[in-house]
Amino acid sequence: MGYVLVEPSEAETKTASGIYLPEGAQEKPAQGVVVACGDDMVMENGKVVKCPVKVGDKVVYKKWGGDEIKIDGVEYKLVKFDDLMAILEG
């Protein structure tokens, strides 16, 4: 299984209408920046699937996808290639 290491974006502190959210109501975003790409994934039929993103890409991943890990006090998500949903531009 191929994986990507993502640094999640910060949670929004206020709504689009300007209402500030208490910390308990802030939802963790399902997007972030790719900091590392794992090895290519080899399928059962021998087909090789390359990492679909590159370091520095801003991505959206499935809300409940990935595993949270902490490295040197920074929280990251380890996300499967299959759980990536989009690459954001800009």
PDB file of N, CA and C in Angstrom:
ATOM      1  N   MET A   1       0.845  -1.179   0.000  1.00  0.00           N
ATOM      2  CA  MET A   1       0.000   0.000   0.000  1.00  0.00           C
ATOM      3  C   MET A   1       0.885   1.235   0.000  1.00  0.00           C
ATOM      4  N   GLY A   2       0.614   2.210  -0.870  1.00  0.00           N
ATOM      5  CA  GLY A   2       1.379   3.444  -0.937  1.00  0.00           C
ATOM      6  C   GLY A   2       0.831   4.492   0.020  1.00  0.00           C
ATOM      7  N   TYR A   3       1.739   5.247   0.630  1.00  0.00           N
ATOM      8  CA  TYR A   3       1.345   6.262   1.602  1.00  0.00           C
ATOM      9  C   TYR A   3       1.983   7.607   1.307  1.00  0.00           C
ATOM     10  N   VAL A   4       1.332   8.667   1.807  1.00  0.00           N
ATOM     11  CA  VAL A   4       1.814  10.031   1.714  1.00  0.00           C
ATOM     12  C   VAL A   4       1.769  10.622   3.119  1.00  0.00           C
ATOM     13  N   LEU A   5       2.811  11.363   3.507  1.00  0.00           N
ATOM     14  CA  LEU A   5       2.829  12.039   4.808  1.00  0.00           C
ATOM     15  C   LEU A   5       2.359  13.468   4.586  1.00  0.00           C
ATOM     16  N   VAL A   6       1.293  13.863   5.308  1.00  0.00           N
ATOM     17  CA  VAL A   6       0.664  15.169   5.129  1.00  0.00           C
ATOM     18  C   VAL A   6       0.692  15.938   6.444  1.00  0.00           C
ATOM     19  N   GLU A   7       1.041  17.225   6.363  1.00  0.00           N
ATOM     20  CA  GLU A   7       0.924  18.109   7.523  1.00  0.00           C
ATOM     21  C   GLU A   7      -0.426  18.810   7.396  1.00  0.00           C
ATOM     22  N   PRO A   8      -1.391  18.462   8.273  1.00  0.00           N
ATOM     23  CA  PRO A   8      -2.732  19.044   8.163  1.00  0.00           C
ATOM     24  C   PRO A   8      -2.725  20.559   8.342  1.00  0.00           C
ATOM     25  N   SER A   9      -3.668  21.222   7.658  1.00  0.00           N
ATOM     26  CA  SER A   9      -3.860  22.660   7.814  1.00  0.00           C
ATOM     27  C   SER A   9      -4.436  22.934   9.196  1.00  0.00           C
ATOM     28  N   GLU A  10      -4.285  24.168   9.644  1.00  0.00           N
ATOM     29  CA  GLU A  10      -4.851  24.564  10.933  1.00  0.00           C
ATOM     30  C   GLU A  10      -6.368  24.596  10.857  1.00  0.00           C
ATOM     31  N   ALA A  11      -7.024  24.308  11.970  1.00  0.00           N
ATOM     32  CA  ALA A  11      -8.479  24.363  12.039  1.00  0.00           C
ATOM     33  C   ALA A  11      -8.942  25.814  11.946  1.00  0.00           C
ATOM     34  N   GLU A  12     -10.096  26.020  11.326  1.00  0.00           N
ATOM     35  CA  GLU A  12     -10.659  27.358  11.217  1.00  0.00           C
ATOM     36  C   GLU A  12     -11.085  27.841  12.597  1.00  0.00           C
ATOM     37  N   THR A  13     -10.770  29.100  12.900  1.00  0.00           N
ATOM     38  CA  THR A  13     -11.136  29.650  14.209  1.00  0.00           C
ATOM     39  C   THR A  13     -12.410  30.473  14.149  1.00  0.00           C
ATOM     40  N   LYS A  14     -12.883  30.764  12.920  1.00  0.00           N
ATOM     41  CA  LYS A  14     -14.165  31.463  12.794  1.00  0.00           C
ATOM     42  C   LYS A  14     -14.879  31.022  11.533  1.00  0.00           C
ATOM     43  N   THR A  15     -16.176  31.210  11.526  1.00  0.00           N
ATOM     44  CA  THR A  15     -17.001  30.815  10.395  1.00  0.00           C
ATOM     45  C   THR A  15     -16.881  31.847   9.281  1.00  0.00           C
ATOM     46  N   ALA A  16     -17.423  31.526   8.115  1.00  0.00           N
ATOM     47  CA  ALA A  16     -17.398  32.452   6.983  1.00  0.00           C
ATOM     48  C   ALA A  16     -18.139  33.740   7.304  1.00  0.00           C
ATOM     49  N   SER A  17     -19.123  33.669   8.195  1.00  0.00           N
ATOM     50  CA  SER A  17     -19.884  34.868   8.564  1.00  0.00           C
ATOM     51  C   SER A  17     -19.215  35.663   9.681  1.00  0.00           C
ATOM     52  N   GLY A  18     -18.051  35.187  10.174  1.00  0.00           N
ATOM     53  CA  GLY A  18     -17.295  35.958  11.158  1.00  0.00           C
ATOM     54  C   GLY A  18     -17.501  35.554  12.608  1.00  0.00           C
ATOM     55  N   ILE A  19     -18.221  34.474  12.866  1.00  0.00           N
ATOM     56  CA  ILE A  19     -18.450  34.019  14.242  1.00  0.00           C
ATOM     57  C   ILE A  19     -17.243  33.195  14.674  1.00  0.00           C
ATOM     58  N   TYR A  20     -16.655  33.577  15.810  1.00  0.00           N
ATOM     59  CA  TYR A  20     -15.502  32.836  16.326  1.00  0.00           C
ATOM     60  C   TYR A  20     -15.958  31.545  16.984  1.00  0.00           C
ATOM     61  N   LEU A  21     -15.235  30.478  16.698  1.00  0.00           N
ATOM     62  CA  LEU A  21     -15.582  29.155  17.217  1.00  0.00           C
ATOM     63  C   LEU A  21     -14.742  28.832  18.448  1.00  0.00           C
ATOM     64  N   PRO A  22     -15.369  28.282  19.492  1.00  0.00           N
ATOM     65  CA  PRO A  22     -14.565  27.818  20.622  1.00  0.00           C
ATOM     66  C   PRO A  22     -13.732  26.621  20.180  1.00  0.00           C
ATOM     67  N   GLU A  23     -12.632  26.376  20.859  1.00  0.00           N
ATOM     68  CA  GLU A  23     -11.719  25.317  20.448  1.00  0.00           C
ATOM     69  C   GLU A  23     -12.412  23.969  20.293  1.00  0.00           C
ATOM     70  N   GLY A  24     -13.352  23.639  21.164  1.00  0.00           N
ATOM     71  CA  GLY A  24     -14.050  22.362  21.102  1.00  0.00           C
ATOM     72  C   GLY A  24     -14.934  22.212  19.881  1.00  0.00           C
ATOM     73  N   ALA A  25     -15.337  23.326  19.254  1.00  0.00           N
ATOM     74  CA  ALA A  25     -16.217  23.273  18.092  1.00  0.00           C
ATOM     75  C   ALA A  25     -15.439  23.319  16.774  1.00  0.00           C
ATOM     76  N   GLN A  26     -14.135  23.545  16.865  1.00  0.00           N
ATOM     77  CA  GLN A  26     -13.332  23.622  15.649  1.00  0.00           C
ATOM     78  C   GLN A  26     -13.135  22.230  15.074  1.00  0.00           C
ATOM     79  N   GLU A  27     -13.422  22.111  13.809  1.00  0.00           N
ATOM     80  CA  GLU A  27     -13.297  20.820  13.135  1.00  0.00           C
ATOM     81  C   GLU A  27     -11.935  20.714  12.473  1.00  0.00           C
ATOM     82  N   LYS A  28     -11.286  19.568  12.656  1.00  0.00           N
ATOM     83  CA  LYS A  28     -10.003  19.371  11.999  1.00  0.00           C
ATOM     84  C   LYS A  28     -10.232  19.288  10.496  1.00  0.00           C
ATOM     85  N   PRO A  29      -9.469  20.047   9.732  1.00  0.00           N
ATOM     86  CA  PRO A  29      -9.659  20.009   8.282  1.00  0.00           C
ATOM     87  C   PRO A  29      -9.155  18.706   7.693  1.00  0.00           C
ATOM     88  N   ALA A  30      -9.692  18.350   6.553  1.00  0.00           N
ATOM     89  CA  ALA A  30      -9.247  17.147   5.849  1.00  0.00           C
ATOM     90  C   ALA A  30      -8.391  17.577   4.670  1.00  0.00           C
ATOM     91  N   GLN A  31      -7.504  18.550   4.927  1.00  0.00           N
ATOM     92  CA  GLN A  31      -6.586  18.992   3.890  1.00  0.00           C
ATOM     93  C   GLN A  31      -5.275  19.407   4.523  1.00  0.00           C
ATOM     94  N   GLY A  32      -4.245  19.416   3.723  1.00  0.00           N
ATOM     95  CA  GLY A  32      -2.940  19.783   4.232  1.00  0.00           C
ATOM     96  C   GLY A  32      -1.905  19.752   3.117  1.00  0.00           C
ATOM     97  N   VAL A  33      -0.630  19.859   3.519  1.00  0.00           N
ATOM     98  CA  VAL A  33       0.474  19.920   2.570  1.00  0.00           C
ATOM     99  C   VAL A  33       1.285  18.632   2.644  1.00  0.00           C
ATOM    100  N   VAL A  34       1.608  18.062   1.493  1.00  0.00           N
ATOM    101  CA  VAL A  34       2.403  16.840   1.410  1.00  0.00           C
ATOM    102  C   VAL A  34       3.845  17.161   1.817  1.00  0.00           C
ATOM    103  N   VAL A  35       4.369  16.424   2.804  1.00  0.00           N
ATOM    104  CA  VAL A  35       5.758  16.617   3.233  1.00  0.00           C
ATOM    105  C   VAL A  35       6.652  15.451   2.811  1.00  0.00           C
ATOM    106  N   ALA A  36       6.060  14.309   2.455  1.00  0.00           N
ATOM    107  CA  ALA A  36       6.846  13.166   1.980  1.00  0.00           C
ATOM    108  C   ALA A  36       5.933  12.193   1.234  1.00  0.00           C
ATOM    109  N   CYS A  37       6.515  11.520   0.230  1.00  0.00           N
ATOM    110  CA  CYS A  37       5.794  10.498  -0.532  1.00  0.00           C
ATOM    111  C   CYS A  37       6.462   9.156  -0.296  1.00  0.00           C
ATOM    112  N   GLY A  38       5.638   8.139  -0.103  1.00  0.00           N
ATOM    113  CA  GLY A  38       6.164   6.793   0.095  1.00  0.00           C
ATOM    114  C   GLY A  38       6.570   6.146  -1.213  1.00  0.00           C
ATOM    115  N   ASP A  39       7.001   4.900  -1.118  1.00  0.00           N
ATOM    116  CA  ASP A  39       7.404   4.124  -2.286  1.00  0.00           C
ATOM    117  C   ASP A  39       6.211   3.873  -3.197  1.00  0.00           C
ATOM    118  N   ASP A  40       6.513   3.580  -4.448  1.00  0.00           N
ATOM    119  CA  ASP A  40       5.463   3.209  -5.391  1.00  0.00           C
ATOM    120  C   ASP A  40       4.734   1.973  -4.875  1.00  0.00           C
ATOM    121  N   MET A  41       3.466   1.840  -5.242  1.00  0.00           N
ATOM    122  CA  MET A  41       2.650   0.719  -4.810  1.00  0.00           C
ATOM    123  C   MET A  41       2.599  -0.315  -5.938  1.00  0.00           C
ATOM    124  N   VAL A  42       2.855  -1.571  -5.611  1.00  0.00           N
ATOM    125  CA  VAL A  42       2.788  -2.651  -6.600  1.00  0.00           C
ATOM    126  C   VAL A  42       1.498  -3.434  -6.353  1.00  0.00           C
ATOM    127  N   MET A  43       0.654  -3.469  -7.376  1.00  0.00           N
ATOM    128  CA  MET A  43      -0.635  -4.151  -7.284  1.00  0.00           C
ATOM    129  C   MET A  43      -0.434  -5.658  -7.406  1.00  0.00           C
ATOM    130  N   GLU A  44      -1.476  -6.430  -7.090  1.00  0.00           N
ATOM    131  CA  GLU A  44      -1.402  -7.887  -7.177  1.00  0.00           C
ATOM    132  C   GLU A  44      -1.106  -8.365  -8.596  1.00  0.00           C
ATOM    133  N   ASN A  45      -1.548  -7.602  -9.591  1.00  0.00           N
ATOM    134  CA  ASN A  45      -1.319  -7.998 -10.986  1.00  0.00           C
ATOM    135  C   ASN A  45       0.052  -7.542 -11.495  1.00  0.00           C
ATOM    136  N   GLY A  46       0.862  -6.946 -10.621  1.00  0.00           N
ATOM    137  CA  GLY A  46       2.199  -6.504 -10.990  1.00  0.00           C
ATOM    138  C   GLY A  46       2.279  -5.067 -11.478  1.00  0.00           C
ATOM    139  N   LYS A  47       1.128  -4.425 -11.670  1.00  0.00           N
ATOM    140  CA  LYS A  47       1.099  -3.035 -12.122  1.00  0.00           C
ATOM    141  C   LYS A  47       1.657  -2.136 -11.013  1.00  0.00           C
ATOM    142  N   VAL A  48       2.482  -1.160 -11.406  1.00  0.00           N
ATOM    143  CA  VAL A  48       3.086  -0.240 -10.446  1.00  0.00           C
ATOM    144  C   VAL A  48       2.315   1.081 -10.461  1.00  0.00           C
ATOM    145  N   VAL A  49       1.896   1.542  -9.278  1.00  0.00           N
ATOM    146  CA  VAL A  49       1.196   2.814  -9.143  1.00  0.00           C
ATOM    147  C   VAL A  49       2.144   3.789  -8.457  1.00  0.00           C
ATOM    148  N   LYS A  50       2.507   4.847  -9.173  1.00  0.00           N
ATOM    149  CA  LYS A  50       3.418   5.852  -8.629  1.00  0.00           C
ATOM    150  C   LYS A  50       2.664   6.784  -7.696  1.00  0.00           C
ATOM    151  N   CYS A  51       3.381   7.459  -6.820  1.00  0.00           N
ATOM    152  CA  CYS A  51       2.775   8.425  -5.905  1.00  0.00           C
ATOM    153  C   CYS A  51       2.038   9.479  -6.736  1.00  0.00           C
ATOM    154  N   PRO A  52       0.740   9.702  -6.470  1.00  0.00           N
ATOM    155  CA  PRO A  52      -0.055  10.611  -7.291  1.00  0.00           C
ATOM    156  C   PRO A  52       0.187  12.092  -7.003  1.00  0.00           C
ATOM    157  N   VAL A  53       0.978  12.413  -5.994  1.00  0.00           N
ATOM    158  CA  VAL A  53       1.248  13.803  -5.617  1.00  0.00           C
ATOM    159  C   VAL A  53       2.743  13.988  -5.426  1.00  0.00           C
ATOM    160  N   LYS A  54       3.149  15.245  -5.218  1.00  0.00           N
ATOM    161  CA  LYS A  54       4.560  15.512  -4.947  1.00  0.00           C
ATOM    162  C   LYS A  54       4.677  16.364  -3.690  1.00  0.00           C
ATOM    163  N   VAL A  55       5.847  16.390  -3.108  1.00  0.00           N
ATOM    164  CA  VAL A  55       6.089  17.183  -1.908  1.00  0.00           C
ATOM    165  C   VAL A  55       5.747  18.638  -2.210  1.00  0.00           C
ATOM    166  N   GLY A  56       4.995  19.259  -1.301  1.00  0.00           N
ATOM    167  CA  GLY A  56       4.587  20.654  -1.458  1.00  0.00           C
ATOM    168  C   GLY A  56       3.176  20.824  -1.980  1.00  0.00           C
ATOM    169  N   ASP A  57       2.577  19.746  -2.548  1.00  0.00           N
ATOM    170  CA  ASP A  57       1.196  19.823  -3.030  1.00  0.00           C
ATOM    171  C   ASP A  57       0.244  19.997  -1.855  1.00  0.00           C
ATOM    172  N   LYS A  58      -0.789  20.829  -2.044  1.00  0.00           N
ATOM    173  CA  LYS A  58      -1.852  20.960  -1.053  1.00  0.00           C
ATOM    174  C   LYS A  58      -2.946  19.991  -1.473  1.00  0.00           C
ATOM    175  N   VAL A  59      -3.306  19.075  -0.577  1.00  0.00           N
ATOM    176  CA  VAL A  59      -4.243  18.008  -0.925  1.00  0.00           C
ATOM    177  C   VAL A  59      -5.449  17.973   0.004  1.00  0.00           C
ATOM    178  N   VAL A  60      -6.510  17.354  -0.502  1.00  0.00           N
ATOM    179  CA  VAL A  60      -7.699  17.052   0.295  1.00  0.00           C
ATOM    180  C   VAL A  60      -7.742  15.535   0.405  1.00  0.00           C
ATOM    181  N   TYR A  61      -7.978  15.035   1.618  1.00  0.00           N
ATOM    182  CA  TYR A  61      -8.052  13.591   1.828  1.00  0.00           C
ATOM    183  C   TYR A  61      -9.347  13.254   2.550  1.00  0.00           C
ATOM    184  N   LYS A  62      -9.718  11.988   2.536  1.00  0.00           N
ATOM    185  CA  LYS A  62     -10.955  11.557   3.180  1.00  0.00           C
ATOM    186  C   LYS A  62     -10.928  11.945   4.654  1.00  0.00           C
ATOM    187  N   LYS A  63     -12.043  12.438   5.134  1.00  0.00           N
ATOM    188  CA  LYS A  63     -12.141  12.963   6.491  1.00  0.00           C
ATOM    189  C   LYS A  63     -11.654  11.967   7.543  1.00  0.00           C
ATOM    190  N   TRP A  64     -12.003  10.718   7.398  1.00  0.00           N
ATOM    191  CA  TRP A  64     -11.604   9.715   8.396  1.00  0.00           C
ATOM    192  C   TRP A  64     -10.436   8.884   7.900  1.00  0.00           C
ATOM    193  N   GLY A  65      -9.820   9.310   6.809  1.00  0.00           N
ATOM    194  CA  GLY A  65      -8.686   8.577   6.250  1.00  0.00           C
ATOM    195  C   GLY A  65      -7.390   8.910   6.968  1.00  0.00           C
ATOM    196  N   GLY A  66      -6.444   8.017   6.886  1.00  0.00           N
ATOM    197  CA  GLY A  66      -5.113   8.255   7.422  1.00  0.00           C
ATOM    198  C   GLY A  66      -4.978   7.989   8.908  1.00  0.00           C
ATOM    199  N   ASP A  67      -3.739   7.902   9.330  1.00  0.00           N
ATOM    200  CA  ASP A  67      -3.417   7.690  10.733  1.00  0.00           C
ATOM    201  C   ASP A  67      -2.661   8.899  11.238  1.00  0.00           C
ATOM    202  N   GLU A  68      -3.019   9.370  12.437  1.00  0.00           N
ATOM    203  CA  GLU A  68      -2.312  10.506  13.028  1.00  0.00           C
ATOM    204  C   GLU A  68      -1.026  10.023  13.668  1.00  0.00           C
ATOM    205  N   ILE A  69       0.057  10.733  13.382  1.00  0.00           N
ATOM    206  CA  ILE A  69       1.331  10.434  14.024  1.00  0.00           C
ATOM    207  C   ILE A  69       1.951  11.759  14.451  1.00  0.00           C
ATOM    208  N   LYS A  70       2.830  11.708  15.432  1.00  0.00           N
ATOM    209  CA  LYS A  70       3.488  12.907  15.929  1.00  0.00           C
ATOM    210  C   LYS A  70       4.992  12.710  15.789  1.00  0.00           C
ATOM    211  N   ILE A  71       5.664  13.681  15.145  1.00  0.00           N
ATOM    212  CA  ILE A  71       7.109  13.640  14.969  1.00  0.00           C
ATOM    213  C   ILE A  71       7.677  14.958  15.478  1.00  0.00           C
ATOM    214  N   ASP A  72       8.567  14.891  16.460  1.00  0.00           N
ATOM    215  CA  ASP A  72       9.173  16.094  17.044  1.00  0.00           C
ATOM    216  C   ASP A  72       8.126  17.125  17.452  1.00  0.00           C
ATOM    217  N   GLY A  73       7.011  16.653  18.009  1.00  0.00           N
ATOM    218  CA  GLY A  73       5.969  17.541  18.514  1.00  0.00           C
ATOM    219  C   GLY A  73       5.011  18.070  17.454  1.00  0.00           C
ATOM    220  N   VAL A  74       5.194  17.685  16.191  1.00  0.00           N
ATOM    221  CA  VAL A  74       4.319  18.135  15.109  1.00  0.00           C
ATOM    222  C   VAL A  74       3.414  16.982  14.700  1.00  0.00           C
ATOM    223  N   GLU A  75       2.099  17.272  14.587  1.00  0.00           N
ATOM    224  CA  GLU A  75       1.145  16.237  14.181  1.00  0.00           C
ATOM    225  C   GLU A  75       1.069  16.142  12.663  1.00  0.00           C
ATOM    226  N   TYR A  76       1.090  14.911  12.167  1.00  0.00           N
ATOM    227  CA  TYR A  76       0.991  14.628  10.746  1.00  0.00           C
ATOM    228  C   TYR A  76      -0.082  13.568  10.528  1.00  0.00           C
ATOM    229  N   LYS A  77      -0.475  13.398   9.270  1.00  0.00           N
ATOM    230  CA  LYS A  77      -1.378  12.320   8.866  1.00  0.00           C
ATOM    231  C   LYS A  77      -0.636  11.455   7.860  1.00  0.00           C
ATOM    232  N   LEU A  78      -0.689  10.154   8.062  1.00  0.00           N
ATOM    233  CA  LEU A  78      -0.142   9.192   7.119  1.00  0.00           C
ATOM    234  C   LEU A  78      -1.342   8.682   6.319  1.00  0.00           C
ATOM    235  N   VAL A  79      -1.431   9.105   5.058  1.00  0.00           N
ATOM    236  CA  VAL A  79      -2.623   8.885   4.235  1.00  0.00           C
ATOM    237  C   VAL A  79      -2.311   7.933   3.083  1.00  0.00           C
ATOM    238  N   LYS A  80      -3.178   6.948   2.862  1.00  0.00           N
ATOM    239  CA  LYS A  80      -3.032   6.023   1.735  1.00  0.00           C
ATOM    240  C   LYS A  80      -3.296   6.770   0.429  1.00  0.00           C
ATOM    241  N   PHE A  81      -2.638   6.325  -0.642  1.00  0.00           N
ATOM    242  CA  PHE A  81      -2.892   6.906  -1.963  1.00  0.00           C
ATOM    243  C   PHE A  81      -4.395   6.936  -2.244  1.00  0.00           C
ATOM    244  N   ASP A  82      -5.097   5.840  -1.909  1.00  0.00           N
ATOM    245  CA  ASP A  82      -6.533   5.715  -2.194  1.00  0.00           C
ATOM    246  C   ASP A  82      -7.390   6.718  -1.430  1.00  0.00           C
ATOM    247  N   ASP A  83      -6.879   7.256  -0.311  1.00  0.00           N
ATOM    248  CA  ASP A  83      -7.655   8.190   0.503  1.00  0.00           C
ATOM    249  C   ASP A  83      -7.462   9.647   0.075  1.00  0.00           C
ATOM    250  N   LEU A  84      -6.571   9.896  -0.894  1.00  0.00           N
ATOM    251  CA  LEU A  84      -6.407  11.249  -1.431  1.00  0.00           C
ATOM    252  C   LEU A  84      -7.556  11.531  -2.377  1.00  0.00           C
ATOM    253  N   MET A  85      -8.151  12.703  -2.246  1.00  0.00           N
ATOM    254  CA  MET A  85      -9.328  13.021  -3.064  1.00  0.00           C
ATOM    255  C   MET A  85      -9.066  14.108  -4.109  1.00  0.00           C
ATOM    256  N   ALA A  86      -8.157  15.061  -3.815  1.00  0.00           N
ATOM    257  CA  ALA A  86      -7.902  16.154  -4.749  1.00  0.00           C
ATOM    258  C   ALA A  86      -6.597  16.840  -4.433  1.00  0.00           C
ATOM    259  N   ILE A  87      -6.053  17.504  -5.459  1.00  0.00           N
ATOM    260  CA  ILE A  87      -4.904  18.383  -5.296  1.00  0.00           C
ATOM    261  C   ILE A  87      -5.429  19.795  -5.510  1.00  0.00           C
ATOM    262  N   LEU A  88      -5.180  20.683  -4.536  1.00  0.00           N
ATOM    263  CA  LEU A  88      -5.654  22.062  -4.622  1.00  0.00           C
ATOM    264  C   LEU A  88      -4.601  22.924  -5.301  1.00  0.00           C
ATOM    265  N   GLU A  89      -5.046  23.837  -6.125  1.00  0.00           N
ATOM    266  CA  GLU A  89      -4.128  24.756  -6.793  1.00  0.00           C
ATOM    267  C   GLU A  89      -4.134  26.086  -6.071  1.00  0.00           C
ATOM    268  N   GLY A  90      -2.992  26.777  -6.182  1.00  0.00           N
ATOM    269  CA  GLY A  90      -2.910  28.120  -5.616  1.00  0.00           C
ATOM    270  C   GLY A  90      -2.284  28.224  -4.322  1.00  0.00           C
TER     271      GLY A  90
END
